[in-house]
Amino acid sequence: MIVAISLANQLHDPIKKTKLTPKIREVTKELFPGRTVNPSDVKRGLLENALISENGNYYQPTPVTKRFNATADVEQEVFE
């Protein structure tokens, strides 16, 4: 879910459906270097938690996204 929240926070404009999986892999690599996360699980988390919505051939961020924040900063005292 952390990858889904982080990715949703990075989306400011709609993203083509074909570009979502590469973006998921990019965010996963940033947050969890050397780890593998199933892009289908992240996509499901994005949709089920209304962090993105489908619009034709695009996914777009929803207002819900602004309620969450994910960070890889281990020095941060509070995980939002």
PDB file of N, CA and C in Angstrom:
ATOM      1  N   MET A   1       0.825  -1.197   0.000  1.00  0.00           N
ATOM      2  CA  MET A   1       0.000   0.000   0.000  1.00  0.00           C
ATOM      3  C   MET A   1       0.867   1.259   0.000  1.00  0.00           C
ATOM      4  N   ILE A   2       2.054   1.169   0.581  1.00  0.00           N
ATOM      5  CA  ILE A   2       2.941   2.326   0.620  1.00  0.00           C
ATOM      6  C   ILE A   2       3.323   2.758  -0.792  1.00  0.00           C
ATOM      7  N   VAL A   3       3.579   1.791  -1.654  1.00  0.00           N
ATOM      8  CA  VAL A   3       3.922   2.109  -3.043  1.00  0.00           C
ATOM      9  C   VAL A   3       2.739   2.803  -3.718  1.00  0.00           C
ATOM     10  N   ALA A   4       1.536   2.315  -3.481  1.00  0.00           N
ATOM     11  CA  ALA A   4       0.339   2.912  -4.089  1.00  0.00           C
ATOM     12  C   ALA A   4       0.159   4.360  -3.629  1.00  0.00           C
ATOM     13  N   ILE A   5       0.333   4.611  -2.345  1.00  0.00           N
ATOM     14  CA  ILE A   5       0.176   5.976  -1.821  1.00  0.00           C
ATOM     15  C   ILE A   5       1.256   6.890  -2.386  1.00  0.00           C
ATOM     16  N   SER A   6       2.488   6.410  -2.383  1.00  0.00           N
ATOM     17  CA  SER A   6       3.584   7.218  -2.907  1.00  0.00           C
ATOM     18  C   SER A   6       3.382   7.541  -4.382  1.00  0.00           C
ATOM     19  N   LEU A   7       2.991   6.554  -5.151  1.00  0.00           N
ATOM     20  CA  LEU A   7       2.750   6.769  -6.579  1.00  0.00           C
ATOM     21  C   LEU A   7       1.608   7.757  -6.792  1.00  0.00           C
ATOM     22  N   ALA A   8       0.535   7.591  -6.049  1.00  0.00           N
ATOM     23  CA  ALA A   8      -0.614   8.495  -6.186  1.00  0.00           C
ATOM     24  C   ALA A   8      -0.214   9.929  -5.852  1.00  0.00           C
ATOM     25  N   ASN A   9       0.655  10.110  -4.859  1.00  0.00           N
ATOM     26  CA  ASN A   9       1.120  11.452  -4.505  1.00  0.00           C
ATOM     27  C   ASN A   9       1.959  12.082  -5.611  1.00  0.00           C
ATOM     28  N   GLN A  10       2.618  11.247  -6.412  1.00  0.00           N
ATOM     29  CA  GLN A  10       3.460  11.757  -7.496  1.00  0.00           C
ATOM     30  C   GLN A  10       2.663  12.108  -8.751  1.00  0.00           C
ATOM     31  N   LEU A  11       1.458  11.585  -8.856  1.00  0.00           N
ATOM     32  CA  LEU A  11       0.636  11.862 -10.037  1.00  0.00           C
ATOM     33  C   LEU A  11      -0.083  13.197  -9.869  1.00  0.00           C
ATOM     34  N   HIS A  12       0.220  14.102 -10.761  1.00  0.00           N
ATOM     35  CA  HIS A  12      -0.466  15.395 -10.744  1.00  0.00           C
ATOM     36  C   HIS A  12      -1.363  15.539 -11.964  1.00  0.00           C
ATOM     37  N   ASP A  13      -1.068  14.739 -12.964  1.00  0.00           N
ATOM     38  CA  ASP A  13      -1.828  14.742 -14.207  1.00  0.00           C
ATOM     39  C   ASP A  13      -2.206  13.307 -14.542  1.00  0.00           C
ATOM     40  N   PRO A  14      -3.181  13.129 -15.402  1.00  0.00           N
ATOM     41  CA  PRO A  14      -3.519  11.757 -15.823  1.00  0.00           C
ATOM     42  C   PRO A  14      -2.302  11.058 -16.434  1.00  0.00           C
ATOM     43  N   ILE A  15      -2.257   9.736 -16.261  1.00  0.00           N
ATOM     44  CA  ILE A  15      -1.180   8.924 -16.812  1.00  0.00           C
ATOM     45  C   ILE A  15      -1.798   7.854 -17.697  1.00  0.00           C
ATOM     46  N   LYS A  16      -1.185   7.614 -18.865  1.00  0.00           N
ATOM     47  CA  LYS A  16      -1.692   6.574 -19.758  1.00  0.00           C
ATOM     48  C   LYS A  16      -1.638   5.228 -19.053  1.00  0.00           C
ATOM     49  N   LYS A  17      -2.629   4.390 -19.311  1.00  0.00           N
ATOM     50  CA  LYS A  17      -2.674   3.067 -18.693  1.00  0.00           C
ATOM     51  C   LYS A  17      -1.411   2.269 -18.980  1.00  0.00           C
ATOM     52  N   THR A  18      -0.850   2.412 -20.179  1.00  0.00           N
ATOM     53  CA  THR A  18       0.343   1.660 -20.552  1.00  0.00           C
ATOM     54  C   THR A  18       1.591   2.131 -19.805  1.00  0.00           C
ATOM     55  N   LYS A  19       1.548   3.320 -19.220  1.00  0.00           N
ATOM     56  CA  LYS A  19       2.702   3.854 -18.502  1.00  0.00           C
ATOM     57  C   LYS A  19       2.625   3.630 -16.998  1.00  0.00           C
ATOM     58  N   LEU A  20       1.510   3.066 -16.523  1.00  0.00           N
ATOM     59  CA  LEU A  20       1.345   2.885 -15.082  1.00  0.00           C
ATOM     60  C   LEU A  20       2.302   1.824 -14.529  1.00  0.00           C
ATOM     61  N   THR A  21       2.420   0.684 -15.183  1.00  0.00           N
ATOM     62  CA  THR A  21       3.298  -0.375 -14.675  1.00  0.00           C
ATOM     63  C   THR A  21       4.753   0.086 -14.590  1.00  0.00           C
ATOM     64  N   PRO A  22       5.310   0.735 -15.621  1.00  0.00           N
ATOM     65  CA  PRO A  22       6.681   1.237 -15.472  1.00  0.00           C
ATOM     66  C   PRO A  22       6.819   2.245 -14.330  1.00  0.00           C
ATOM     67  N   LYS A  23       5.797   3.064 -14.126  1.00  0.00           N
ATOM     68  CA  LYS A  23       5.828   4.038 -13.027  1.00  0.00           C
ATOM     69  C   LYS A  23       5.793   3.316 -11.681  1.00  0.00           C
ATOM     70  N   ILE A  24       5.003   2.271 -11.577  1.00  0.00           N
ATOM     71  CA  ILE A  24       4.956   1.476 -10.339  1.00  0.00           C
ATOM     72  C   ILE A  24       6.334   0.899 -10.049  1.00  0.00           C
ATOM     73  N   ARG A  25       6.991   0.363 -11.062  1.00  0.00           N
ATOM     74  CA  ARG A  25       8.330  -0.219 -10.874  1.00  0.00           C
ATOM     75  C   ARG A  25       9.338   0.856 -10.447  1.00  0.00           C
ATOM     76  N   GLU A  26       9.223   2.042 -11.020  1.00  0.00           N
ATOM     77  CA  GLU A  26      10.114   3.150 -10.674  1.00  0.00           C
ATOM     78  C   GLU A  26       9.955   3.545  -9.207  1.00  0.00           C
ATOM     79  N   VAL A  27       8.710   3.701  -8.767  1.00  0.00           N
ATOM     80  CA  VAL A  27       8.433   4.088  -7.385  1.00  0.00           C
ATOM     81  C   VAL A  27       8.867   2.977  -6.424  1.00  0.00           C
ATOM     82  N   THR A  28       8.624   1.732  -6.801  1.00  0.00           N
ATOM     83  CA  THR A  28       9.044   0.601  -5.965  1.00  0.00           C
ATOM     84  C   THR A  28      10.554   0.616  -5.776  1.00  0.00           C
ATOM     85  N   LYS A  29      11.274   0.862  -6.849  1.00  0.00           N
ATOM     86  CA  LYS A  29      12.748   0.890  -6.780  1.00  0.00           C
ATOM     87  C   LYS A  29      13.230   2.016  -5.873  1.00  0.00           C
ATOM     88  N   GLU A  30      12.542   3.163  -5.908  1.00  0.00           N
ATOM     89  CA  GLU A  30      12.896   4.291  -5.044  1.00  0.00           C
ATOM     90  C   GLU A  30      12.668   3.958  -3.570  1.00  0.00           C
ATOM     91  N   LEU A  31      11.534   3.349  -3.275  1.00  0.00           N
ATOM     92  CA  LEU A  31      11.167   3.072  -1.883  1.00  0.00           C
ATOM     93  C   LEU A  31      11.816   1.815  -1.321  1.00  0.00           C
ATOM     94  N   PHE A  32      11.903   0.778  -2.139  1.00  0.00           N
ATOM     95  CA  PHE A  32      12.395  -0.523  -1.689  1.00  0.00           C
ATOM     96  C   PHE A  32      13.444  -1.068  -2.663  1.00  0.00           C
ATOM     97  N   PRO A  33      14.636  -0.470  -2.686  1.00  0.00           N
ATOM     98  CA  PRO A  33      15.661  -0.949  -3.616  1.00  0.00           C
ATOM     99  C   PRO A  33      15.949  -2.437  -3.400  1.00  0.00           C
ATOM    100  N   GLY A  34      16.049  -3.161  -4.491  1.00  0.00           N
ATOM    101  CA  GLY A  34      16.357  -4.585  -4.408  1.00  0.00           C
ATOM    102  C   GLY A  34      15.159  -5.474  -4.114  1.00  0.00           C
ATOM    103  N   ARG A  35      14.003  -4.895  -3.916  1.00  0.00           N
ATOM    104  CA  ARG A  35      12.792  -5.672  -3.630  1.00  0.00           C
ATOM    105  C   ARG A  35      11.883  -5.688  -4.848  1.00  0.00           C
ATOM    106  N   THR A  36      11.038  -6.682  -4.912  1.00  0.00           N
ATOM    107  CA  THR A  36      10.062  -6.786  -5.987  1.00  0.00           C
ATOM    108  C   THR A  36       8.665  -6.661  -5.398  1.00  0.00           C
ATOM    109  N   VAL A  37       7.872  -5.820  -6.009  1.00  0.00           N
ATOM    110  CA  VAL A  37       6.467  -5.659  -5.624  1.00  0.00           C
ATOM    111  C   VAL A  37       5.648  -5.917  -6.875  1.00  0.00           C
ATOM    112  N   ASN A  38       4.602  -6.697  -6.742  1.00  0.00           N
ATOM    113  CA  ASN A  38       3.752  -7.025  -7.881  1.00  0.00           C
ATOM    114  C   ASN A  38       2.978  -5.779  -8.326  1.00  0.00           C
ATOM    115  N   PRO A  39       3.217  -5.297  -9.548  1.00  0.00           N
ATOM    116  CA  PRO A  39       2.503  -4.111 -10.025  1.00  0.00           C
ATOM    117  C   PRO A  39       0.983  -4.278 -10.014  1.00  0.00           C
ATOM    118  N   SER A  40       0.494  -5.494 -10.234  1.00  0.00           N
ATOM    119  CA  SER A  40      -0.957  -5.728 -10.209  1.00  0.00           C
ATOM    120  C   SER A  40      -1.533  -5.459  -8.823  1.00  0.00           C
ATOM    121  N   ASP A  41      -0.781  -5.803  -7.778  1.00  0.00           N
ATOM    122  CA  ASP A  41      -1.244  -5.541  -6.414  1.00  0.00           C
ATOM    123  C   ASP A  41      -1.300  -4.039  -6.140  1.00  0.00           C
ATOM    124  N   VAL A  42      -0.299  -3.319  -6.623  1.00  0.00           N
ATOM    125  CA  VAL A  42      -0.268  -1.870  -6.430  1.00  0.00           C
ATOM    126  C   VAL A  42      -1.432  -1.223  -7.188  1.00  0.00           C
ATOM    127  N   LYS A  43      -1.631  -1.644  -8.421  1.00  0.00           N
ATOM    128  CA  LYS A  43      -2.729  -1.096  -9.230  1.00  0.00           C
ATOM    129  C   LYS A  43      -4.079  -1.364  -8.553  1.00  0.00           C
ATOM    130  N   ARG A  44      -4.247  -2.574  -8.040  1.00  0.00           N
ATOM    131  CA  ARG A  44      -5.483  -2.916  -7.336  1.00  0.00           C
ATOM    132  C   ARG A  44      -5.655  -2.016  -6.106  1.00  0.00           C
ATOM    133  N   GLY A  45      -4.573  -1.781  -5.367  1.00  0.00           N
ATOM    134  CA  GLY A  45      -4.628  -0.904  -4.204  1.00  0.00           C
ATOM    135  C   GLY A  45      -4.995   0.524  -4.569  1.00  0.00           C
ATOM    136  N   LEU A  46      -4.459   0.989  -5.687  1.00  0.00           N
ATOM    137  CA  LEU A  46      -4.788   2.338  -6.155  1.00  0.00           C
ATOM    138  C   LEU A  46      -6.275   2.473  -6.468  1.00  0.00           C
ATOM    139  N   LEU A  47      -6.809   1.492  -7.163  1.00  0.00           N
ATOM    140  CA  LEU A  47      -8.217   1.544  -7.570  1.00  0.00           C
ATOM    141  C   LEU A  47      -9.168   1.274  -6.408  1.00  0.00           C
ATOM    142  N   GLU A  48      -8.875   0.255  -5.597  1.00  0.00           N
ATOM    143  CA  GLU A  48      -9.775  -0.112  -4.496  1.00  0.00           C
ATOM    144  C   GLU A  48      -9.847   0.968  -3.422  1.00  0.00           C
ATOM    145  N   ASN A  49      -8.771   1.730  -3.278  1.00  0.00           N
ATOM    146  CA  ASN A  49      -8.749   2.780  -2.260  1.00  0.00           C
ATOM    147  C   ASN A  49      -9.037   4.164  -2.845  1.00  0.00           C
ATOM    148  N   ALA A  50      -9.502   4.178  -4.070  1.00  0.00           N
ATOM    149  CA  ALA A  50      -9.919   5.408  -4.760  1.00  0.00           C
ATOM    150  C   ALA A  50      -8.797   6.447  -4.816  1.00  0.00           C
ATOM    151  N   LEU A  51      -7.546   5.978  -4.961  1.00  0.00           N
ATOM    152  CA  LEU A  51      -6.428   6.897  -5.113  1.00  0.00           C
ATOM    153  C   LEU A  51      -6.300   7.354  -6.563  1.00  0.00           C
ATOM    154  N   ILE A  52      -6.785   6.519  -7.485  1.00  0.00           N
ATOM    155  CA  ILE A  52      -6.860   6.887  -8.897  1.00  0.00           C
ATOM    156  C   ILE A  52      -8.211   6.425  -9.432  1.00  0.00           C
ATOM    157  N   SER A  53      -8.602   7.003 -10.545  1.00  0.00           N
ATOM    158  CA  SER A  53      -9.818   6.556 -11.219  1.00  0.00           C
ATOM    159  C   SER A  53      -9.496   6.344 -12.693  1.00  0.00           C
ATOM    160  N   GLU A  54     -10.253   5.462 -13.326  1.00  0.00           N
ATOM    161  CA  GLU A  54     -10.071   5.190 -14.750  1.00  0.00           C
ATOM    162  C   GLU A  54     -10.880   6.185 -15.562  1.00  0.00           C
ATOM    163  N   ASN A  55     -10.262   6.678 -16.617  1.00  0.00           N
ATOM    164  CA  ASN A  55     -10.944   7.596 -17.510  1.00  0.00           C
ATOM    165  C   ASN A  55     -10.452   7.300 -18.923  1.00  0.00           C
ATOM    166  N   GLY A  56     -11.153   6.422 -19.621  1.00  0.00           N
ATOM    167  CA  GLY A  56     -10.733   6.025 -20.963  1.00  0.00           C
ATOM    168  C   GLY A  56      -9.430   5.254 -20.917  1.00  0.00           C
ATOM    169  N   ASN A  57      -8.415   5.732 -21.618  1.00  0.00           N
ATOM    170  CA  ASN A  57      -7.104   5.095 -21.643  1.00  0.00           C
ATOM    171  C   ASN A  57      -6.156   5.673 -20.607  1.00  0.00           C
ATOM    172  N   TYR A  58      -6.692   6.390 -19.644  1.00  0.00           N
ATOM    173  CA  TYR A  58      -5.878   7.055 -18.634  1.00  0.00           C
ATOM    174  C   TYR A  58      -6.342   6.716 -17.228  1.00  0.00           C
ATOM    175  N   TYR A  59      -5.411   6.862 -16.286  1.00  0.00           N
ATOM    176  CA  TYR A  59      -5.726   6.859 -14.864  1.00  0.00           C
ATOM    177  C   TYR A  59      -5.449   8.275 -14.382  1.00  0.00           C
ATOM    178  N   GLN A  60      -6.303   8.773 -13.530  1.00  0.00           N
ATOM    179  CA  GLN A  60      -6.076  10.108 -12.992  1.00  0.00           C
ATOM    180  C   GLN A  60      -6.169  10.081 -11.476  1.00  0.00           C
ATOM    181  N   PRO A  61      -5.380  10.911 -10.804  1.00  0.00           N
ATOM    182  CA  PRO A  61      -5.428  10.963  -9.344  1.00  0.00           C
ATOM    183  C   PRO A  61      -6.766  11.528  -8.872  1.00  0.00           C
ATOM    184  N   THR A  62      -7.174  11.115  -7.702  1.00  0.00           N
ATOM    185  CA  THR A  62      -8.419  11.602  -7.112  1.00  0.00           C
ATOM    186  C   THR A  62      -8.100  12.518  -5.929  1.00  0.00           C
ATOM    187  N   PRO A  63      -9.057  13.274  -5.450  1.00  0.00           N
ATOM    188  CA  PRO A  63      -8.829  14.138  -4.286  1.00  0.00           C
ATOM    189  C   PRO A  63      -8.451  13.357  -3.021  1.00  0.00           C
ATOM    190  N   VAL A  64      -8.820  12.093  -2.947  1.00  0.00           N
ATOM    191  CA  VAL A  64      -8.490  11.260  -1.780  1.00  0.00           C
ATOM    192  C   VAL A  64      -6.976  11.178  -1.594  1.00  0.00           C
ATOM    193  N   THR A  65      -6.243  11.243  -2.688  1.00  0.00           N
ATOM    194  CA  THR A  65      -4.792  11.127  -2.660  1.00  0.00           C
ATOM    195  C   THR A  65      -4.156  12.126  -1.702  1.00  0.00           C
ATOM    196  N   LYS A  66      -4.702  13.304  -1.607  1.00  0.00           N
ATOM    197  CA  LYS A  66      -4.126  14.358  -0.769  1.00  0.00           C
ATOM    198  C   LYS A  66      -4.243  14.064   0.725  1.00  0.00           C
ATOM    199  N   ARG A  67      -5.036  13.074   1.084  1.00  0.00           N
ATOM    200  CA  ARG A  67      -5.207  12.736   2.500  1.00  0.00           C
ATOM    201  C   ARG A  67      -4.094  11.839   3.029  1.00  0.00           C
ATOM    202  N   PHE A  68      -3.273  11.310   2.137  1.00  0.00           N
ATOM    203  CA  PHE A  68      -2.229  10.367   2.530  1.00  0.00           C
ATOM    204  C   PHE A  68      -0.868  10.852   2.083  1.00  0.00           C
ATOM    205  N   ASN A  69       0.162  10.415   2.803  1.00  0.00           N
ATOM    206  CA  ASN A  69       1.527  10.731   2.431  1.00  0.00           C
ATOM    207  C   ASN A  69       2.400   9.533   2.791  1.00  0.00           C
ATOM    208  N   ALA A  70       3.279   9.154   1.892  1.00  0.00           N
ATOM    209  CA  ALA A  70       4.223   8.065   2.142  1.00  0.00           C
ATOM    210  C   ALA A  70       5.613   8.597   1.875  1.00  0.00           C
ATOM    211  N   THR A  71       6.559   8.197   2.718  1.00  0.00           N
ATOM    212  CA  THR A  71       7.928   8.667   2.564  1.00  0.00           C
ATOM    213  C   THR A  71       8.909   7.542   2.852  1.00  0.00           C
ATOM    214  N   ALA A  72      10.079   7.643   2.261  1.00  0.00           N
ATOM    215  CA  ALA A  72      11.144   6.677   2.519  1.00  0.00           C
ATOM    216  C   ALA A  72      12.121   7.244   3.543  1.00  0.00           C
ATOM    217  N   ASP A  73      11.823   8.396   4.116  1.00  0.00           N
ATOM    218  CA  ASP A  73      12.687   9.068   5.084  1.00  0.00           C
ATOM    219  C   ASP A  73      12.552   8.396   6.451  1.00  0.00           C
ATOM    220  N   VAL A  74      13.556   7.609   6.836  1.00  0.00           N
ATOM    221  CA  VAL A  74      13.490   6.887   8.109  1.00  0.00           C
ATOM    222  C   VAL A  74      13.679   7.802   9.305  1.00  0.00           C
ATOM    223  N   GLU A  75      14.142   9.020   9.068  1.00  0.00           N
ATOM    224  CA  GLU A  75      14.343   9.993  10.152  1.00  0.00           C
ATOM    225  C   GLU A  75      13.052  10.706  10.542  1.00  0.00           C
ATOM    226  N   GLN A  76      12.035  10.604   9.687  1.00  0.00           N
ATOM    227  CA  GLN A  76      10.765  11.274   9.964  1.00  0.00           C
ATOM    228  C   GLN A  76      10.113  10.594  11.156  1.00  0.00           C
ATOM    229  N   GLU A  77       9.688  11.377  12.135  1.00  0.00           N
ATOM    230  CA  GLU A  77       9.138  10.837  13.367  1.00  0.00           C
ATOM    231  C   GLU A  77       7.756  10.232  13.193  1.00  0.00           C
ATOM    232  N   VAL A  78       6.947  10.831  12.364  1.00  0.00           N
ATOM    233  CA  VAL A  78       5.563  10.379  12.185  1.00  0.00           C
ATOM    234  C   VAL A  78       5.378   9.870  10.768  1.00  0.00           C
ATOM    235  N   PHE A  79       4.785   8.708  10.636  1.00  0.00           N
ATOM    236  CA  PHE A  79       4.440   8.190   9.309  1.00  0.00           C
ATOM    237  C   PHE A  79       3.024   8.621   9.023  1.00  0.00           C
ATOM    238  N   GLU A  80       2.863   9.454   8.014  1.00  0.00           N
ATOM    239  CA  GLU A  80       1.527   9.976   7.713  1.00  0.00           C
ATOM    240  C   GLU A  80       0.838   9.070   6.737  1.00  0.00           C
TER     241      GLU A  80
END
